[in-house]
């Protein structure tokens, strides 16, 4: 009697891009504020991850690379990036209730909305 191999279904685990034991961000806005805080700390010479209570699935440079990809693909303009930098350094979003911040808020929303998808694909945003 010839040997017949049983067919078994093998399914490779899906790669989420996330590092184990980390917590993804809830939104692109939260990821952006975290990125700007980390970049400011790096600029001031802070080393390591002292004081970090939650591990994150990326480095700040990963979020910046996603933003750079949007810029290179002409999904955002330099003005969008400038608004993200200014308000990211302030650690707050522009408030549309204030007339002077309304235009910044519009650009902020466009940039954050467009940044959401690449961050989700990489597992940075849940």
N, C-alpha and C. Protein backbone atom coordinates (compact mmCIF):
# COMPACT_ATOMS: atom_id res chain seq x y z
N UNK A 1 0.84 -1.17 0.00
CA UNK A 1 0.00 0.00 0.00
C UNK A 1 0.89 1.24 0.00
N UNK A 2 0.72 2.12 -0.97
CA UNK A 2 1.57 3.32 -1.03
C UNK A 2 1.23 4.29 0.09
N UNK A 3 2.27 5.06 0.46
CA UNK A 3 2.11 6.05 1.53
C UNK A 3 1.43 7.29 0.95
N UNK A 4 0.37 7.72 1.58
CA UNK A 4 -0.35 8.92 1.15
C UNK A 4 -0.20 9.97 2.24
N UNK A 5 0.38 11.09 1.87
CA UNK A 5 0.59 12.18 2.83
C UNK A 5 -0.73 12.90 3.06
N UNK A 6 -1.02 13.10 4.29
CA UNK A 6 -2.24 13.83 4.63
C UNK A 6 -2.03 15.31 4.36
N UNK A 7 -3.01 15.90 3.74
CA UNK A 7 -2.92 17.33 3.46
C UNK A 7 -3.34 18.10 4.72
N UNK A 8 -2.46 18.93 5.14
CA UNK A 8 -2.79 19.77 6.30
C UNK A 8 -2.72 21.22 5.86
N UNK A 9 -3.62 21.97 6.36
CA UNK A 9 -3.64 23.39 6.03
C UNK A 9 -2.65 24.12 6.94
N UNK A 10 -1.72 24.78 6.32
CA UNK A 10 -0.75 25.56 7.08
C UNK A 10 -0.99 27.02 6.76
N UNK A 11 -1.18 27.79 7.80
CA UNK A 11 -1.39 29.22 7.61
C UNK A 11 -0.32 29.96 8.40
N UNK A 12 0.49 30.71 7.69
CA UNK A 12 1.55 31.49 8.35
C UNK A 12 0.91 32.61 9.16
N UNK A 13 1.47 32.91 10.31
CA UNK A 13 0.92 34.01 11.11
C UNK A 13 1.06 35.34 10.37
N UNK A 14 0.07 36.17 10.51
CA UNK A 14 0.09 37.48 9.86
C UNK A 14 1.10 38.37 10.57
N UNK A 15 1.87 39.10 9.80
CA UNK A 15 2.85 40.02 10.38
C UNK A 15 2.19 41.36 10.57
N UNK A 16 2.15 41.81 11.80
CA UNK A 16 1.51 43.09 12.08
C UNK A 16 2.48 44.24 12.04
N UNK A 17 3.79 43.95 12.03
CA UNK A 17 4.77 45.01 12.03
C UNK A 17 5.06 45.53 13.43
N UNK A 18 4.29 45.09 14.39
CA UNK A 18 4.46 45.58 15.76
C UNK A 18 5.46 44.73 16.51
N UNK A 19 6.14 45.34 17.43
CA UNK A 19 7.09 44.65 18.29
C UNK A 19 6.32 44.08 19.46
N UNK A 20 6.61 42.83 19.88
CA UNK A 20 5.88 42.25 21.01
C UNK A 20 6.04 43.08 22.29
N UNK A 21 5.06 42.98 23.17
CA UNK A 21 5.05 43.68 24.45
C UNK A 21 5.06 45.20 24.32
N UNK A 22 4.44 45.68 23.29
CA UNK A 22 4.31 47.12 23.11
C UNK A 22 2.84 47.47 22.92
N UNK A 23 2.55 48.72 23.10
CA UNK A 23 1.18 49.17 22.94
C UNK A 23 1.12 50.20 21.81
N UNK A 24 0.33 49.91 20.76
CA UNK A 24 0.23 50.88 19.67
C UNK A 24 -0.53 52.13 20.14
N UNK A 25 -0.37 53.19 19.39
CA UNK A 25 -1.05 54.44 19.70
C UNK A 25 -2.52 54.33 19.32
N UNK A 26 -3.36 55.11 19.96
CA UNK A 26 -4.79 55.11 19.66
C UNK A 26 -5.11 55.90 18.41
N UNK A 27 -4.26 56.89 18.08
CA UNK A 27 -4.52 57.72 16.91
C UNK A 27 -3.21 58.26 16.35
N UNK A 28 -3.29 58.77 15.14
CA UNK A 28 -2.11 59.38 14.52
C UNK A 28 -1.71 60.64 15.28
N UNK A 29 -2.68 61.33 15.82
CA UNK A 29 -2.39 62.55 16.59
C UNK A 29 -1.57 62.22 17.84
N UNK A 30 -1.96 61.16 18.54
CA UNK A 30 -1.22 60.74 19.73
C UNK A 30 0.20 60.32 19.34
N UNK A 31 0.33 59.61 18.22
CA UNK A 31 1.66 59.18 17.76
C UNK A 31 2.51 60.39 17.39
N UNK A 32 1.89 61.40 16.80
CA UNK A 32 2.65 62.58 16.41
C UNK A 32 3.14 63.36 17.63
N UNK A 33 2.29 63.53 18.63
CA UNK A 33 2.72 64.24 19.85
C UNK A 33 3.85 63.48 20.54
N UNK A 34 3.75 62.16 20.59
CA UNK A 34 4.82 61.34 21.18
C UNK A 34 6.12 61.50 20.40
N UNK A 35 6.00 61.49 19.07
CA UNK A 35 7.17 61.64 18.21
C UNK A 35 7.85 62.98 18.44
N UNK A 36 7.07 64.04 18.50
CA UNK A 36 7.66 65.36 18.69
C UNK A 36 8.31 65.49 20.06
N UNK A 37 7.69 64.92 21.09
CA UNK A 37 8.29 64.96 22.42
C UNK A 37 9.61 64.19 22.43
N UNK A 38 9.65 63.04 21.76
CA UNK A 38 10.88 62.24 21.70
C UNK A 38 11.96 62.96 20.91
N UNK A 39 11.59 63.61 19.82
CA UNK A 39 12.58 64.34 19.02
C UNK A 39 13.12 65.55 19.78
N UNK A 40 12.26 66.23 20.53
CA UNK A 40 12.73 67.36 21.35
C UNK A 40 13.68 66.86 22.43
N UNK A 41 13.35 65.74 23.05
CA UNK A 41 14.22 65.18 24.09
C UNK A 41 15.57 64.79 23.49
N UNK A 42 15.54 64.20 22.30
CA UNK A 42 16.78 63.82 21.62
C UNK A 42 17.62 65.06 21.33
N UNK A 43 16.96 66.12 20.87
CA UNK A 43 17.65 67.37 20.55
C UNK A 43 18.31 67.98 21.80
N UNK A 44 17.68 67.77 22.95
CA UNK A 44 18.21 68.30 24.21
C UNK A 44 19.27 67.38 24.81
N UNK A 45 19.52 66.25 24.18
CA UNK A 45 20.58 65.37 24.63
C UNK A 45 20.16 64.28 25.59
N UNK A 46 18.86 64.06 25.77
CA UNK A 46 18.39 63.00 26.65
C UNK A 46 18.64 61.67 25.95
N UNK A 47 19.19 60.71 26.68
CA UNK A 47 19.49 59.40 26.11
C UNK A 47 18.61 58.33 26.74
N UNK A 48 18.36 57.28 25.96
CA UNK A 48 17.61 56.14 26.48
C UNK A 48 16.13 56.43 26.58
N UNK A 49 15.45 55.54 27.28
CA UNK A 49 13.99 55.66 27.42
C UNK A 49 13.61 55.79 28.89
N UNK A 50 14.35 56.58 29.62
CA UNK A 50 14.04 56.77 31.03
C UNK A 50 12.65 57.39 31.20
N UNK A 51 11.91 56.85 32.13
CA UNK A 51 10.59 57.40 32.41
C UNK A 51 9.50 56.87 31.51
N UNK A 52 9.83 56.06 30.53
CA UNK A 52 8.82 55.49 29.64
C UNK A 52 8.08 54.40 30.39
N UNK A 53 6.79 54.55 30.51
CA UNK A 53 6.00 53.55 31.22
C UNK A 53 5.42 52.52 30.26
N UNK A 54 5.23 52.90 29.00
CA UNK A 54 4.63 52.01 28.00
C UNK A 54 5.58 51.88 26.83
N UNK A 55 5.86 50.64 26.41
CA UNK A 55 6.67 50.44 25.22
C UNK A 55 5.86 50.77 23.99
N UNK A 56 6.52 51.35 23.02
CA UNK A 56 5.83 51.72 21.78
C UNK A 56 6.35 50.87 20.62
N UNK A 57 5.52 50.63 19.61
CA UNK A 57 5.89 49.71 18.53
C UNK A 57 6.80 50.33 17.47
N UNK A 58 7.41 51.47 17.78
CA UNK A 58 8.23 52.13 16.78
C UNK A 58 9.23 53.07 17.44
N UNK A 59 10.04 53.64 16.60
CA UNK A 59 10.94 54.72 17.01
C UNK A 59 10.35 56.01 16.43
N UNK A 60 10.71 57.16 16.99
CA UNK A 60 10.20 58.42 16.44
C UNK A 60 10.51 58.57 14.95
N UNK A 61 11.65 58.07 14.53
CA UNK A 61 12.04 58.18 13.12
C UNK A 61 11.09 57.43 12.19
N UNK A 62 10.45 56.38 12.69
CA UNK A 62 9.49 55.63 11.87
C UNK A 62 8.28 56.48 11.52
N UNK A 63 7.81 57.28 12.46
CA UNK A 63 6.67 58.17 12.21
C UNK A 63 7.09 59.26 11.23
N UNK A 64 8.30 59.79 11.41
CA UNK A 64 8.80 60.83 10.51
C UNK A 64 8.95 60.27 9.09
N UNK A 65 9.37 59.02 8.96
CA UNK A 65 9.50 58.39 7.64
C UNK A 65 8.14 58.27 6.96
N UNK A 66 7.10 57.97 7.73
CA UNK A 66 5.75 57.90 7.15
C UNK A 66 5.33 59.28 6.65
N UNK A 67 5.64 60.30 7.43
CA UNK A 67 5.32 61.67 7.01
C UNK A 67 6.11 62.05 5.77
N UNK A 68 7.38 61.66 5.72
CA UNK A 68 8.22 61.93 4.56
C UNK A 68 7.67 61.24 3.32
N UNK A 69 7.18 60.02 3.49
CA UNK A 69 6.58 59.31 2.36
C UNK A 69 5.35 60.03 1.82
N UNK A 70 4.54 60.57 2.71
CA UNK A 70 3.37 61.34 2.26
C UNK A 70 3.82 62.58 1.48
N UNK A 71 4.87 63.22 1.96
CA UNK A 71 5.37 64.42 1.27
C UNK A 71 5.94 64.04 -0.11
N UNK A 72 6.71 62.98 -0.17
CA UNK A 72 7.32 62.57 -1.44
C UNK A 72 6.27 62.12 -2.46
N UNK A 73 5.17 61.58 -1.97
CA UNK A 73 4.07 61.16 -2.87
C UNK A 73 3.06 62.27 -3.10
N UNK A 74 3.40 63.46 -2.63
CA UNK A 74 2.56 64.67 -2.81
C UNK A 74 1.18 64.53 -2.19
N UNK A 75 1.11 63.81 -1.07
CA UNK A 75 -0.15 63.71 -0.34
C UNK A 75 -0.29 64.86 0.66
N UNK A 76 0.85 65.41 1.08
CA UNK A 76 0.85 66.60 1.92
C UNK A 76 1.87 67.58 1.35
N UNK A 77 1.72 68.85 1.72
CA UNK A 77 2.65 69.90 1.30
C UNK A 77 3.60 70.23 2.44
N UNK A 78 4.58 71.05 2.12
CA UNK A 78 5.52 71.51 3.13
C UNK A 78 4.80 72.30 4.22
N UNK A 79 3.74 72.99 3.86
CA UNK A 79 2.97 73.76 4.84
C UNK A 79 2.31 72.83 5.87
N UNK A 80 1.83 71.67 5.42
CA UNK A 80 1.27 70.69 6.36
C UNK A 80 2.33 70.27 7.37
N UNK A 81 3.53 69.95 6.86
CA UNK A 81 4.62 69.52 7.75
C UNK A 81 5.01 70.63 8.72
N UNK A 82 5.00 71.85 8.25
CA UNK A 82 5.34 72.99 9.12
C UNK A 82 4.32 73.14 10.24
N UNK A 83 3.04 73.01 9.92
CA UNK A 83 1.98 73.12 10.94
C UNK A 83 2.11 71.96 11.93
N UNK A 84 2.40 70.75 11.44
CA UNK A 84 2.59 69.62 12.35
C UNK A 84 3.76 69.88 13.30
N UNK A 85 4.84 70.44 12.78
CA UNK A 85 6.00 70.71 13.63
C UNK A 85 5.68 71.77 14.68
N UNK A 86 5.10 72.88 14.26
CA UNK A 86 4.81 73.98 15.19
C UNK A 86 3.89 73.53 16.32
N UNK A 87 2.77 72.90 15.97
CA UNK A 87 1.80 72.50 16.99
C UNK A 87 2.26 71.25 17.73
N UNK A 88 3.06 70.42 17.09
CA UNK A 88 3.63 69.26 17.78
C UNK A 88 4.60 69.69 18.86
N UNK A 89 5.38 70.73 18.60
CA UNK A 89 6.28 71.26 19.62
C UNK A 89 5.51 71.83 20.80
N UNK A 90 4.34 72.35 20.54
CA UNK A 90 3.48 72.89 21.61
C UNK A 90 2.73 71.79 22.35
N UNK A 91 2.72 70.57 21.78
CA UNK A 91 2.02 69.42 22.35
C UNK A 91 0.52 69.66 22.46
N UNK A 92 -0.02 70.35 21.48
CA UNK A 92 -1.46 70.56 21.42
C UNK A 92 -1.87 70.82 19.97
N UNK A 93 -3.11 70.50 19.67
CA UNK A 93 -3.63 70.74 18.33
C UNK A 93 -4.21 72.15 18.26
N UNK A 94 -4.21 72.75 17.08
CA UNK A 94 -4.85 74.07 16.95
C UNK A 94 -6.33 73.97 17.26
N UNK A 95 -6.88 75.05 17.76
CA UNK A 95 -8.29 75.08 18.16
C UNK A 95 -9.08 75.85 17.11
N UNK A 96 -10.03 75.21 16.42
CA UNK A 96 -10.79 75.90 15.37
C UNK A 96 -11.73 76.97 15.92
N UNK A 97 -11.93 76.99 17.22
CA UNK A 97 -12.80 78.02 17.82
C UNK A 97 -12.12 79.39 17.81
N UNK A 98 -10.79 79.39 17.74
CA UNK A 98 -10.06 80.65 17.68
C UNK A 98 -9.81 81.02 16.23
N UNK A 99 -10.26 82.20 15.81
CA UNK A 99 -10.10 82.57 14.39
C UNK A 99 -8.66 82.51 13.89
N UNK A 100 -7.69 82.87 14.71
CA UNK A 100 -6.30 82.85 14.28
C UNK A 100 -5.75 81.44 14.08
N UNK A 101 -6.40 80.45 14.67
CA UNK A 101 -5.92 79.07 14.57
C UNK A 101 -6.74 78.23 13.59
N UNK A 102 -7.78 78.79 13.03
CA UNK A 102 -8.69 78.03 12.18
C UNK A 102 -8.00 77.47 10.93
N UNK A 103 -7.18 78.27 10.28
CA UNK A 103 -6.48 77.82 9.08
C UNK A 103 -5.47 76.73 9.44
N UNK A 104 -4.75 76.92 10.55
CA UNK A 104 -3.82 75.90 11.01
C UNK A 104 -4.55 74.60 11.33
N UNK A 105 -5.73 74.70 11.93
CA UNK A 105 -6.50 73.51 12.27
C UNK A 105 -6.87 72.72 11.02
N UNK A 106 -7.26 73.43 9.96
CA UNK A 106 -7.64 72.76 8.71
C UNK A 106 -6.44 71.97 8.15
N UNK A 107 -5.28 72.59 8.11
CA UNK A 107 -4.08 71.91 7.61
C UNK A 107 -3.66 70.77 8.55
N UNK A 108 -3.80 71.00 9.86
CA UNK A 108 -3.48 69.97 10.85
C UNK A 108 -4.34 68.72 10.63
N UNK A 109 -5.66 68.93 10.48
CA UNK A 109 -6.59 67.80 10.29
C UNK A 109 -6.25 67.04 9.00
N UNK A 110 -5.99 67.78 7.92
CA UNK A 110 -5.65 67.12 6.65
C UNK A 110 -4.41 66.24 6.81
N UNK A 111 -3.38 66.79 7.43
CA UNK A 111 -2.12 66.06 7.60
C UNK A 111 -2.30 64.84 8.51
N UNK A 112 -2.97 65.03 9.64
CA UNK A 112 -3.17 63.92 10.59
C UNK A 112 -4.03 62.84 9.96
N UNK A 113 -5.07 63.23 9.23
CA UNK A 113 -5.93 62.24 8.57
C UNK A 113 -5.16 61.43 7.54
N UNK A 114 -4.27 62.08 6.81
CA UNK A 114 -3.49 61.37 5.79
C UNK A 114 -2.38 60.53 6.40
N UNK A 115 -1.91 60.90 7.58
CA UNK A 115 -0.86 60.16 8.27
C UNK A 115 -1.41 58.90 8.94
N UNK A 116 -2.69 58.89 9.22
CA UNK A 116 -3.32 57.78 9.94
C UNK A 116 -3.11 56.42 9.23
N UNK A 117 -3.37 56.36 7.94
CA UNK A 117 -3.32 55.08 7.23
C UNK A 117 -1.92 54.46 7.20
N UNK A 118 -0.86 55.20 6.82
CA UNK A 118 0.47 54.58 6.84
C UNK A 118 0.87 54.09 8.23
N UNK A 119 0.46 54.80 9.26
CA UNK A 119 0.79 54.37 10.62
C UNK A 119 0.01 53.11 11.00
N UNK A 120 -1.22 52.98 10.54
CA UNK A 120 -2.01 51.77 10.79
C UNK A 120 -1.41 50.56 10.08
N UNK A 121 -0.99 50.76 8.85
CA UNK A 121 -0.41 49.67 8.07
C UNK A 121 0.84 49.13 8.76
N UNK A 122 1.63 49.99 9.35
CA UNK A 122 2.86 49.57 10.04
C UNK A 122 2.62 49.08 11.45
N UNK A 123 1.39 49.14 11.95
CA UNK A 123 1.08 48.68 13.28
C UNK A 123 1.42 49.68 14.37
N UNK A 124 1.68 50.92 13.98
CA UNK A 124 2.02 51.96 14.95
C UNK A 124 0.76 52.50 15.60
N UNK A 125 -0.32 52.57 14.84
CA UNK A 125 -1.63 53.01 15.34
C UNK A 125 -2.57 51.82 15.28
N UNK A 126 -3.33 51.61 16.36
CA UNK A 126 -4.27 50.49 16.42
C UNK A 126 -5.56 50.81 15.68
